[in-house]
Amino acid sequence: MTGMDTHLIAAGLPALGWAIHGGLLLRRLSTARRDPLTGLHTRAGWTTRAEHLIAKHPGALVLLIDLDDFKAINDTHGHAAGDAVLTATARRLAHWCGRHGIAARLGGDEFAAIVTHPDKTPGLDALQTALDHPVDHHGNALPVSASVGHCHCADLPAPSLTDALSAADHSMYAAKGHGRRNTH
């Protein structure tokens, strides 16, 4: 090995180190955009994608979902049971969205979704039925229900994610006010 080879190797090591560091950083960023429990997008990752989708599809449907009495499941059956309910809810919501939307876990027991072609989904009643189905956990059927709020972006004066989420939030709390298993 010549002195020139040694200098080339020494010069290349910092670049290799930065490349490895950059790769690790990208991996962390991509996993931060996914909820580790459910695999759904996190708030940050979903918001970025949802804003883009609304700009491209002004007739999109935005949903907010909150599990009813979720604390009681954790308190009565334990956190593993709560995790089972969260993962089942995530799976059901993602399945309902299909290829025409994306779902997210915003945090705790709150979920969101955007569907670009609502006419190609099974409909809000089907989503409500899927979300309200009991979850089996170690032989126990855990009762689950969710309040679902929605906003058709086409109903807004100017489609924006902020306004759609606000309208969906009002719709969700109206559903909570009218009892469980309600989508209006």
N, C-alpha and C. Protein backbone atom coordinates (compact mmCIF):
# COMPACT_ATOMS: atom_id res chain seq x y z
N MET A 1 0.85 -1.16 0.00
CA MET A 1 0.00 0.00 0.00
C MET A 1 0.90 1.23 0.00
N THR A 2 0.58 2.16 -0.84
CA THR A 2 1.40 3.37 -0.95
C THR A 2 0.84 4.46 -0.06
N GLY A 3 1.59 5.51 0.08
CA GLY A 3 1.13 6.66 0.86
C GLY A 3 -0.12 7.27 0.26
N MET A 4 -0.22 7.23 -1.08
CA MET A 4 -1.39 7.77 -1.77
C MET A 4 -2.63 6.95 -1.41
N ASP A 5 -2.51 5.61 -1.37
CA ASP A 5 -3.63 4.75 -1.00
C ASP A 5 -4.11 5.05 0.41
N THR A 6 -3.17 5.24 1.32
CA THR A 6 -3.52 5.54 2.71
C THR A 6 -4.27 6.85 2.80
N HIS A 7 -3.85 7.86 2.04
CA HIS A 7 -4.54 9.15 2.06
C HIS A 7 -5.95 9.04 1.48
N LEU A 8 -6.10 8.23 0.42
CA LEU A 8 -7.43 8.04 -0.16
C LEU A 8 -8.38 7.35 0.82
N ILE A 9 -7.86 6.33 1.50
CA ILE A 9 -8.69 5.63 2.48
C ILE A 9 -9.05 6.57 3.63
N ALA A 10 -8.09 7.32 4.11
CA ALA A 10 -8.33 8.26 5.21
C ALA A 10 -9.33 9.33 4.80
N ALA A 11 -9.27 9.77 3.56
CA ALA A 11 -10.20 10.78 3.08
C ALA A 11 -11.60 10.20 2.90
N GLY A 12 -11.69 8.93 2.55
CA GLY A 12 -12.99 8.30 2.32
C GLY A 12 -13.73 7.91 3.58
N LEU A 13 -13.03 7.70 4.68
CA LEU A 13 -13.69 7.27 5.92
C LEU A 13 -14.74 8.26 6.43
N PRO A 14 -14.44 9.57 6.48
CA PRO A 14 -15.50 10.49 6.93
C PRO A 14 -16.73 10.46 6.02
N ALA A 15 -16.51 10.34 4.71
CA ALA A 15 -17.64 10.28 3.78
C ALA A 15 -18.47 9.02 4.03
N LEU A 16 -17.80 7.90 4.29
CA LEU A 16 -18.50 6.66 4.60
C LEU A 16 -19.30 6.82 5.89
N GLY A 17 -18.68 7.44 6.88
CA GLY A 17 -19.36 7.68 8.16
C GLY A 17 -20.61 8.53 7.98
N TRP A 18 -20.51 9.59 7.18
CA TRP A 18 -21.66 10.46 6.93
C TRP A 18 -22.74 9.72 6.15
N ALA A 19 -22.33 8.87 5.22
CA ALA A 19 -23.31 8.10 4.45
C ALA A 19 -24.08 7.15 5.36
N ILE A 20 -23.38 6.49 6.26
CA ILE A 20 -24.04 5.58 7.21
C ILE A 20 -24.96 6.37 8.13
N HIS A 21 -24.46 7.50 8.64
CA HIS A 21 -25.27 8.35 9.52
C HIS A 21 -26.53 8.84 8.80
N GLY A 22 -26.35 9.26 7.55
CA GLY A 22 -27.49 9.73 6.76
C GLY A 22 -28.52 8.62 6.56
N GLY A 23 -28.04 7.41 6.29
CA GLY A 23 -28.95 6.28 6.13
C GLY A 23 -29.73 5.96 7.40
N LEU A 24 -29.04 6.01 8.53
CA LEU A 24 -29.71 5.79 9.82
C LEU A 24 -30.73 6.88 10.10
N LEU A 25 -30.37 8.13 9.79
CA LEU A 25 -31.29 9.24 10.00
C LEU A 25 -32.54 9.08 9.14
N LEU A 26 -32.37 8.70 7.87
CA LEU A 26 -33.52 8.47 7.00
C LEU A 26 -34.41 7.35 7.53
N ARG A 27 -33.80 6.28 8.05
CA ARG A 27 -34.57 5.19 8.62
C ARG A 27 -35.39 5.68 9.82
N ARG A 28 -34.76 6.48 10.69
CA ARG A 28 -35.48 7.03 11.84
C ARG A 28 -36.63 7.92 11.42
N LEU A 29 -36.39 8.76 10.41
CA LEU A 29 -37.46 9.64 9.93
C LEU A 29 -38.61 8.85 9.34
N SER A 30 -38.31 7.80 8.58
CA SER A 30 -39.39 7.02 7.98
C SER A 30 -40.16 6.25 9.05
N THR A 31 -39.49 5.75 10.07
CA THR A 31 -40.22 5.05 11.12
C THR A 31 -40.99 6.03 11.99
N ALA A 32 -40.53 7.26 12.11
CA ALA A 32 -41.27 8.26 12.88
C ALA A 32 -42.56 8.64 12.18
N ARG A 33 -42.63 8.37 10.90
CA ARG A 33 -43.85 8.67 10.15
C ARG A 33 -44.85 7.52 10.25
N ARG A 34 -44.49 6.46 10.96
CA ARG A 34 -45.37 5.31 11.17
C ARG A 34 -45.51 5.05 12.66
N ASP A 35 -46.71 4.79 13.09
CA ASP A 35 -46.97 4.44 14.48
C ASP A 35 -46.43 3.04 14.73
N PRO A 36 -45.57 2.86 15.74
CA PRO A 36 -44.97 1.53 15.95
C PRO A 36 -45.97 0.44 16.33
N LEU A 37 -47.07 0.79 16.97
CA LEU A 37 -48.05 -0.21 17.38
C LEU A 37 -48.93 -0.64 16.21
N THR A 38 -49.46 0.33 15.47
CA THR A 38 -50.46 0.01 14.45
C THR A 38 -49.91 -0.05 13.03
N GLY A 39 -48.76 0.56 12.81
CA GLY A 39 -48.20 0.63 11.47
C GLY A 39 -48.82 1.72 10.60
N LEU A 40 -49.82 2.42 11.13
CA LEU A 40 -50.43 3.52 10.38
C LEU A 40 -49.50 4.73 10.38
N HIS A 41 -49.80 5.67 9.51
CA HIS A 41 -49.07 6.94 9.52
C HIS A 41 -49.26 7.64 10.85
N THR A 42 -48.27 8.40 11.27
CA THR A 42 -48.42 9.28 12.44
C THR A 42 -49.06 10.58 11.96
N ARG A 43 -49.36 11.45 12.89
CA ARG A 43 -49.97 12.74 12.57
C ARG A 43 -49.13 13.50 11.54
N ALA A 44 -47.83 13.60 11.77
CA ALA A 44 -46.96 14.38 10.87
C ALA A 44 -46.94 13.79 9.46
N GLY A 45 -46.74 12.49 9.36
CA GLY A 45 -46.68 11.86 8.05
C GLY A 45 -48.01 11.94 7.32
N TRP A 46 -49.10 11.73 8.04
CA TRP A 46 -50.42 11.76 7.43
C TRP A 46 -50.79 13.16 6.98
N THR A 47 -50.50 14.15 7.81
CA THR A 47 -50.86 15.54 7.48
C THR A 47 -50.22 15.96 6.16
N THR A 48 -48.95 15.66 6.00
CA THR A 48 -48.26 16.02 4.76
C THR A 48 -48.92 15.37 3.56
N ARG A 49 -49.20 14.08 3.66
CA ARG A 49 -49.84 13.36 2.54
C ARG A 49 -51.26 13.85 2.32
N ALA A 50 -52.01 14.08 3.41
CA ALA A 50 -53.41 14.50 3.28
C ALA A 50 -53.52 15.87 2.61
N GLU A 51 -52.64 16.81 2.97
CA GLU A 51 -52.67 18.13 2.33
C GLU A 51 -52.45 17.99 0.82
N HIS A 52 -51.51 17.15 0.45
CA HIS A 52 -51.24 16.93 -0.97
C HIS A 52 -52.46 16.31 -1.66
N LEU A 53 -53.09 15.33 -1.02
CA LEU A 53 -54.24 14.66 -1.62
C LEU A 53 -55.44 15.60 -1.77
N ILE A 54 -55.66 16.47 -0.79
CA ILE A 54 -56.78 17.43 -0.91
C ILE A 54 -56.54 18.39 -2.06
N ALA A 55 -55.29 18.83 -2.22
CA ALA A 55 -54.98 19.73 -3.34
C ALA A 55 -55.24 19.04 -4.67
N LYS A 56 -54.97 17.76 -4.74
CA LYS A 56 -55.11 17.00 -5.98
C LYS A 56 -56.54 16.48 -6.18
N HIS A 57 -57.26 16.22 -5.07
CA HIS A 57 -58.61 15.64 -5.11
C HIS A 57 -59.54 16.46 -4.23
N PRO A 58 -60.06 17.60 -4.73
CA PRO A 58 -60.90 18.47 -3.89
C PRO A 58 -62.22 17.84 -3.43
N GLY A 59 -62.57 16.67 -3.96
CA GLY A 59 -63.78 15.97 -3.53
C GLY A 59 -63.51 14.90 -2.49
N ALA A 60 -62.32 14.93 -1.88
CA ALA A 60 -61.93 13.91 -0.91
C ALA A 60 -62.83 13.95 0.33
N LEU A 61 -62.81 12.84 1.05
CA LEU A 61 -63.54 12.70 2.31
C LEU A 61 -62.51 12.59 3.43
N VAL A 62 -62.66 13.42 4.45
CA VAL A 62 -61.76 13.40 5.61
C VAL A 62 -62.55 12.88 6.81
N LEU A 63 -61.94 11.95 7.55
CA LEU A 63 -62.59 11.33 8.70
C LEU A 63 -61.76 11.53 9.96
N LEU A 64 -62.44 11.69 11.07
CA LEU A 64 -61.83 11.63 12.40
C LEU A 64 -62.58 10.56 13.17
N ILE A 65 -61.84 9.71 13.86
CA ILE A 65 -62.43 8.60 14.62
C ILE A 65 -61.88 8.62 16.03
N ASP A 66 -62.77 8.48 16.99
CA ASP A 66 -62.38 8.41 18.39
C ASP A 66 -63.07 7.20 19.00
N LEU A 67 -62.29 6.33 19.65
CA LEU A 67 -62.89 5.15 20.27
C LEU A 67 -63.65 5.57 21.52
N ASP A 68 -64.86 5.08 21.66
CA ASP A 68 -65.70 5.41 22.81
C ASP A 68 -65.28 4.56 24.01
N ASP A 69 -65.15 5.19 25.17
CA ASP A 69 -64.85 4.50 26.43
C ASP A 69 -63.60 3.62 26.35
N PHE A 70 -62.60 4.07 25.63
CA PHE A 70 -61.39 3.28 25.49
C PHE A 70 -60.67 3.10 26.82
N LYS A 71 -60.71 4.12 27.66
CA LYS A 71 -60.05 4.03 28.97
C LYS A 71 -60.60 2.86 29.79
N ALA A 72 -61.88 2.60 29.65
CA ALA A 72 -62.50 1.49 30.38
C ALA A 72 -61.91 0.14 29.94
N ILE A 73 -61.57 0.01 28.67
CA ILE A 73 -60.97 -1.24 28.19
C ILE A 73 -59.61 -1.43 28.86
N ASN A 74 -58.79 -0.38 28.85
CA ASN A 74 -57.48 -0.46 29.50
C ASN A 74 -57.61 -0.74 31.00
N ASP A 75 -58.54 -0.04 31.65
CA ASP A 75 -58.70 -0.19 33.10
C ASP A 75 -59.23 -1.56 33.48
N THR A 76 -60.15 -2.09 32.68
CA THR A 76 -60.78 -3.37 33.00
C THR A 76 -59.97 -4.57 32.54
N HIS A 77 -59.41 -4.48 31.34
CA HIS A 77 -58.77 -5.65 30.73
C HIS A 77 -57.25 -5.54 30.60
N GLY A 78 -56.71 -4.36 30.86
CA GLY A 78 -55.26 -4.17 30.78
C GLY A 78 -54.81 -3.54 29.47
N HIS A 79 -53.59 -3.06 29.48
CA HIS A 79 -53.06 -2.35 28.31
C HIS A 79 -52.85 -3.25 27.09
N ALA A 80 -52.57 -4.52 27.32
CA ALA A 80 -52.43 -5.44 26.18
C ALA A 80 -53.76 -5.54 25.43
N ALA A 81 -54.86 -5.55 26.16
CA ALA A 81 -56.18 -5.57 25.54
C ALA A 81 -56.43 -4.26 24.79
N GLY A 82 -56.04 -3.15 25.40
CA GLY A 82 -56.17 -1.85 24.72
C GLY A 82 -55.37 -1.83 23.43
N ASP A 83 -54.15 -2.38 23.47
CA ASP A 83 -53.33 -2.45 22.26
C ASP A 83 -54.01 -3.30 21.19
N ALA A 84 -54.65 -4.38 21.60
CA ALA A 84 -55.36 -5.23 20.64
C ALA A 84 -56.50 -4.47 19.98
N VAL A 85 -57.21 -3.66 20.75
CA VAL A 85 -58.29 -2.85 20.20
C VAL A 85 -57.74 -1.81 19.23
N LEU A 86 -56.64 -1.17 19.61
CA LEU A 86 -56.04 -0.16 18.72
C LEU A 86 -55.56 -0.77 17.41
N THR A 87 -54.91 -1.92 17.48
CA THR A 87 -54.42 -2.54 16.24
C THR A 87 -55.58 -3.04 15.38
N ALA A 88 -56.62 -3.56 16.00
CA ALA A 88 -57.79 -4.00 15.23
C ALA A 88 -58.47 -2.80 14.57
N THR A 89 -58.59 -1.70 15.29
CA THR A 89 -59.19 -0.49 14.73
C THR A 89 -58.37 0.01 13.55
N ALA A 90 -57.06 0.02 13.70
CA ALA A 90 -56.17 0.47 12.62
C ALA A 90 -56.34 -0.42 11.39
N ARG A 91 -56.37 -1.71 11.60
CA ARG A 91 -56.51 -2.66 10.49
C ARG A 91 -57.86 -2.46 9.79
N ARG A 92 -58.92 -2.28 10.56
CA ARG A 92 -60.26 -2.10 9.99
C ARG A 92 -60.35 -0.79 9.20
N LEU A 93 -59.78 0.27 9.74
CA LEU A 93 -59.82 1.57 9.07
C LEU A 93 -59.00 1.52 7.77
N ALA A 94 -57.80 0.96 7.84
CA ALA A 94 -56.96 0.87 6.64
C ALA A 94 -57.64 0.01 5.57
N HIS A 95 -58.27 -1.08 5.97
CA HIS A 95 -58.98 -1.94 5.03
C HIS A 95 -60.12 -1.17 4.37
N TRP A 96 -60.87 -0.40 5.16
CA TRP A 96 -61.98 0.37 4.63
C TRP A 96 -61.49 1.41 3.62
N CYS A 97 -60.38 2.06 3.93
CA CYS A 97 -59.81 3.07 3.00
C CYS A 97 -59.40 2.43 1.69
N GLY A 98 -58.86 1.23 1.78
CA GLY A 98 -58.42 0.53 0.58
C GLY A 98 -57.33 1.30 -0.16
N ARG A 99 -57.35 1.18 -1.48
CA ARG A 99 -56.32 1.83 -2.29
C ARG A 99 -56.63 3.30 -2.54
N HIS A 100 -57.77 3.76 -2.08
CA HIS A 100 -58.19 5.14 -2.37
C HIS A 100 -58.00 6.09 -1.19
N GLY A 101 -57.25 5.66 -0.19
CA GLY A 101 -57.06 6.55 0.94
C GLY A 101 -55.92 6.12 1.84
N ILE A 102 -55.68 6.93 2.85
CA ILE A 102 -54.65 6.61 3.84
C ILE A 102 -55.22 6.89 5.23
N ALA A 103 -54.81 6.08 6.16
CA ALA A 103 -55.27 6.19 7.54
C ALA A 103 -54.10 6.54 8.44
N ALA A 104 -54.42 7.12 9.60
CA ALA A 104 -53.39 7.50 10.56
C ALA A 104 -53.89 7.30 11.97
N ARG A 105 -52.95 7.06 12.85
CA ARG A 105 -53.24 7.11 14.28
C ARG A 105 -52.67 8.43 14.75
N LEU A 106 -53.56 9.33 15.16
CA LEU A 106 -53.13 10.66 15.58
C LEU A 106 -52.51 10.64 16.96
N GLY A 107 -52.88 9.66 17.76
CA GLY A 107 -52.37 9.53 19.11
C GLY A 107 -53.46 8.93 19.99
N GLY A 108 -53.06 8.25 21.05
CA GLY A 108 -54.04 7.65 21.95
C GLY A 108 -55.02 6.79 21.17
N ASP A 109 -56.31 7.10 21.32
CA ASP A 109 -57.36 6.33 20.63
C ASP A 109 -58.01 7.15 19.52
N GLU A 110 -57.24 8.08 18.96
CA GLU A 110 -57.74 8.94 17.88
C GLU A 110 -57.11 8.55 16.55
N PHE A 111 -57.95 8.44 15.54
CA PHE A 111 -57.53 8.06 14.20
C PHE A 111 -58.07 9.07 13.20
N ALA A 112 -57.45 9.10 12.04
CA ALA A 112 -57.92 9.95 10.95
C ALA A 112 -57.73 9.19 9.65
N ALA A 113 -58.44 9.63 8.64
CA ALA A 113 -58.28 9.04 7.31
C ALA A 113 -58.69 10.07 6.27
N ILE A 114 -58.15 9.89 5.09
CA ILE A 114 -58.60 10.66 3.93
C ILE A 114 -58.80 9.66 2.80
N VAL A 115 -59.91 9.83 2.11
CA VAL A 115 -60.23 8.96 0.98
C VAL A 115 -60.45 9.87 -0.22
N THR A 116 -59.69 9.61 -1.28
CA THR A 116 -59.74 10.48 -2.46
C THR A 116 -60.98 10.23 -3.33
N HIS A 117 -61.48 9.01 -3.32
CA HIS A 117 -62.66 8.65 -4.11
C HIS A 117 -63.68 7.98 -3.18
N PRO A 118 -64.43 8.78 -2.41
CA PRO A 118 -65.36 8.20 -1.44
C PRO A 118 -66.40 7.26 -2.06
N ASP A 119 -66.72 7.49 -3.33
CA ASP A 119 -67.71 6.65 -3.99
C ASP A 119 -67.19 5.23 -4.24
N LYS A 120 -65.89 5.02 -4.06
CA LYS A 120 -65.30 3.70 -4.27
C LYS A 120 -65.02 2.98 -2.95
N THR A 121 -65.53 3.52 -1.85
CA THR A 121 -65.41 2.84 -0.55
C THR A 121 -66.76 2.22 -0.21
N PRO A 122 -66.77 1.30 0.75
CA PRO A 122 -68.04 0.66 1.13
C PRO A 122 -69.07 1.61 1.75
N GLY A 123 -68.69 2.82 2.15
CA GLY A 123 -69.63 3.77 2.75
C GLY A 123 -69.43 3.89 4.25
N LEU A 124 -69.93 4.98 4.80
CA LEU A 124 -69.73 5.27 6.23
C LEU A 124 -70.43 4.27 7.15
N ASP A 125 -71.59 3.77 6.72
CA ASP A 125 -72.29 2.77 7.55
C ASP A 125 -71.44 1.50 7.67
N ALA A 126 -70.81 1.10 6.58
CA ALA A 126 -69.95 -0.09 6.61
C ALA A 126 -68.74 0.14 7.51
N LEU A 127 -68.19 1.34 7.47
CA LEU A 127 -67.06 1.66 8.35
C LEU A 127 -67.50 1.59 9.80
N GLN A 128 -68.65 2.19 10.11
CA GLN A 128 -69.15 2.18 11.48
C GLN A 128 -69.36 0.75 11.97
N THR A 129 -69.93 -0.08 11.14
CA THR A 129 -70.16 -1.49 11.50
C THR A 129 -68.83 -2.20 11.77
N ALA A 130 -67.85 -1.96 10.92
CA ALA A 130 -66.54 -2.61 11.10
C ALA A 130 -65.87 -2.14 12.39
N LEU A 131 -65.93 -0.83 12.65
CA LEU A 131 -65.27 -0.30 13.85
C LEU A 131 -65.97 -0.74 15.13
N ASP A 132 -67.27 -0.95 15.07
CA ASP A 132 -68.04 -1.31 16.26
C ASP A 132 -68.05 -2.81 16.55
N HIS A 133 -67.36 -3.58 15.75
CA HIS A 133 -67.31 -5.03 15.95
C HIS A 133 -66.40 -5.36 17.14
N PRO A 134 -66.82 -6.28 18.04
CA PRO A 134 -65.97 -6.64 19.18
C PRO A 134 -64.60 -7.17 18.73
N VAL A 135 -63.61 -7.02 19.60
CA VAL A 135 -62.26 -7.50 19.34
C VAL A 135 -61.99 -8.67 20.27
N ASP A 136 -61.55 -9.79 19.70
CA ASP A 136 -61.22 -10.95 20.51
C ASP A 136 -59.82 -10.77 21.11
N HIS A 137 -59.74 -10.92 22.41
CA HIS A 137 -58.44 -10.83 23.10
C HIS A 137 -58.40 -11.92 24.17
N HIS A 138 -57.56 -12.93 23.92
CA HIS A 138 -57.41 -14.05 24.84
C HIS A 138 -58.75 -14.67 25.23
N GLY A 139 -59.59 -14.87 24.23
CA GLY A 139 -60.88 -15.52 24.46
C GLY A 139 -61.97 -14.59 24.96
N ASN A 140 -61.66 -13.34 25.21
CA ASN A 140 -62.67 -12.37 25.63
C ASN A 140 -63.08 -11.51 24.44
N ALA A 141 -64.37 -11.30 24.28
CA ALA A 141 -64.87 -10.40 23.24
C ALA A 141 -64.95 -9.01 23.85
N LEU A 142 -64.01 -8.15 23.47
CA LEU A 142 -63.97 -6.79 24.02
C LEU A 142 -64.94 -5.90 23.24
N PRO A 143 -65.86 -5.25 23.94
CA PRO A 143 -66.81 -4.38 23.22
C PRO A 143 -66.09 -3.13 22.71
N VAL A 144 -66.35 -2.80 21.46
CA VAL A 144 -65.71 -1.65 20.84
C VAL A 144 -66.77 -0.83 20.13
N SER A 145 -66.69 0.48 20.30
CA SER A 145 -67.50 1.38 19.48
C SER A 145 -66.69 2.64 19.25
N ALA A 146 -67.03 3.30 18.18
CA ALA A 146 -66.28 4.49 17.79
C ALA A 146 -67.23 5.58 17.36
N SER A 147 -66.80 6.81 17.60
CA SER A 147 -67.52 7.97 17.07
C SER A 147 -66.76 8.41 15.82
N VAL A 148 -67.49 8.53 14.73
CA VAL A 148 -66.88 8.87 13.45
C VAL A 148 -67.42 10.21 12.98
N GLY A 149 -66.50 11.12 12.72
CA GLY A 149 -66.86 12.41 12.12
C GLY A 149 -66.29 12.47 10.72
N HIS A 150 -66.98 13.16 9.85
CA HIS A 150 -66.51 13.22 8.47
C HIS A 150 -66.79 14.58 7.85
N CYS A 151 -66.04 14.86 6.81
CA CYS A 151 -66.24 16.08 6.04
C CYS A 151 -65.93 15.80 4.58
N HIS A 152 -66.87 16.10 3.73
CA HIS A 152 -66.64 16.05 2.30
C HIS A 152 -66.01 17.39 1.91
N CYS A 153 -64.79 17.34 1.43
CA CYS A 153 -64.08 18.58 1.10
C CYS A 153 -64.82 19.42 0.08
N ALA A 154 -65.60 18.77 -0.78
CA ALA A 154 -66.37 19.50 -1.79
C ALA A 154 -67.41 20.42 -1.15
N ASP A 155 -67.78 20.16 0.10
CA ASP A 155 -68.77 20.99 0.80
C ASP A 155 -68.15 22.24 1.41
N LEU A 156 -66.83 22.35 1.37
CA LEU A 156 -66.15 23.50 1.94
C LEU A 156 -66.00 24.61 0.90
N PRO A 157 -66.02 25.88 1.33
CA PRO A 157 -65.83 26.98 0.38
C PRO A 157 -64.50 26.86 -0.38
N ALA A 158 -63.46 26.51 0.34
CA ALA A 158 -62.14 26.28 -0.27
C ALA A 158 -61.54 25.07 0.43
N PRO A 159 -61.40 23.95 -0.28
CA PRO A 159 -60.91 22.73 0.37
C PRO A 159 -59.51 22.91 0.99
N SER A 160 -59.44 22.70 2.30
CA SER A 160 -58.15 22.72 2.99
C SER A 160 -58.22 21.67 4.10
N LEU A 161 -57.09 21.12 4.45
CA LEU A 161 -57.07 20.09 5.48
C LEU A 161 -57.52 20.66 6.82
N THR A 162 -57.09 21.86 7.14
CA THR A 162 -57.47 22.48 8.42
C THR A 162 -58.98 22.59 8.54
N ASP A 163 -59.63 23.11 7.51
CA ASP A 163 -61.08 23.27 7.55
C ASP A 163 -61.80 21.92 7.54
N ALA A 164 -61.27 20.97 6.78
CA ALA A 164 -61.88 19.64 6.74
C ALA A 164 -61.79 18.95 8.09
N LEU A 165 -60.63 19.05 8.75
CA LEU A 165 -60.48 18.45 10.07
C LEU A 165 -61.39 19.12 11.09
N SER A 166 -61.54 20.42 11.00
CA SER A 166 -62.43 21.14 11.92
C SER A 166 -63.87 20.68 11.73
N ALA A 167 -64.31 20.58 10.49
CA ALA A 167 -65.67 20.12 10.22
C ALA A 167 -65.86 18.67 10.66
N ALA A 168 -64.87 17.82 10.41
CA ALA A 168 -64.95 16.42 10.83
C ALA A 168 -64.97 16.31 12.35
N ASP A 169 -64.24 17.18 13.02
CA ASP A 169 -64.22 17.21 14.48
C ASP A 169 -65.61 17.57 15.02
N HIS A 170 -66.25 18.58 14.44
CA HIS A 170 -67.61 18.94 14.87
C HIS A 170 -68.57 17.78 14.62
N SER A 171 -68.43 17.13 13.48
CA SER A 171 -69.27 15.99 13.14
C SER A 171 -69.06 14.84 14.13
N MET A 172 -67.80 14.62 14.52
CA MET A 172 -67.49 13.54 15.46
C MET A 172 -68.12 13.82 16.83
N TYR A 173 -68.00 15.05 17.30
CA TYR A 173 -68.59 15.37 18.60
C TYR A 173 -70.11 15.37 18.56
N ALA A 174 -70.69 15.68 17.42
CA ALA A 174 -72.14 15.55 17.27
C ALA A 174 -72.53 14.08 17.36
N ALA A 175 -71.72 13.20 16.78
CA ALA A 175 -71.98 11.75 16.86
C ALA A 175 -71.89 11.29 18.31
N LYS A 176 -70.90 11.79 19.05
CA LYS A 176 -70.77 11.43 20.47
C LYS A 176 -71.98 11.93 21.25
N GLY A 177 -72.48 13.10 20.89
CA GLY A 177 -73.62 13.68 21.58
C GLY A 177 -74.91 12.93 21.35
N HIS A 178 -74.99 12.21 20.23
CA HIS A 178 -76.20 11.44 19.91
C HIS A 178 -76.07 9.98 20.29
N GLY A 179 -75.05 9.66 21.05
CA GLY A 179 -74.87 8.27 21.47
C GLY A 179 -73.91 7.54 20.59
N ARG A 180 -73.63 6.32 20.96
CA ARG A 180 -72.67 5.50 20.24
C ARG A 180 -73.27 5.00 18.93
N ARG A 181 -72.38 4.52 18.09
CA ARG A 181 -72.76 3.91 16.82
C ARG A 181 -73.53 4.88 15.93
N ASN A 182 -73.00 6.10 15.85
CA ASN A 182 -73.65 7.13 15.08
C ASN A 182 -72.62 7.80 14.18
N THR A 183 -72.95 8.05 12.94
CA THR A 183 -72.00 8.69 12.03
C THR A 183 -72.44 10.08 11.61
N HIS A 184 -73.46 10.61 12.17
CA HIS A 184 -73.90 11.96 11.74
C HIS A 184 -73.82 12.93 12.88
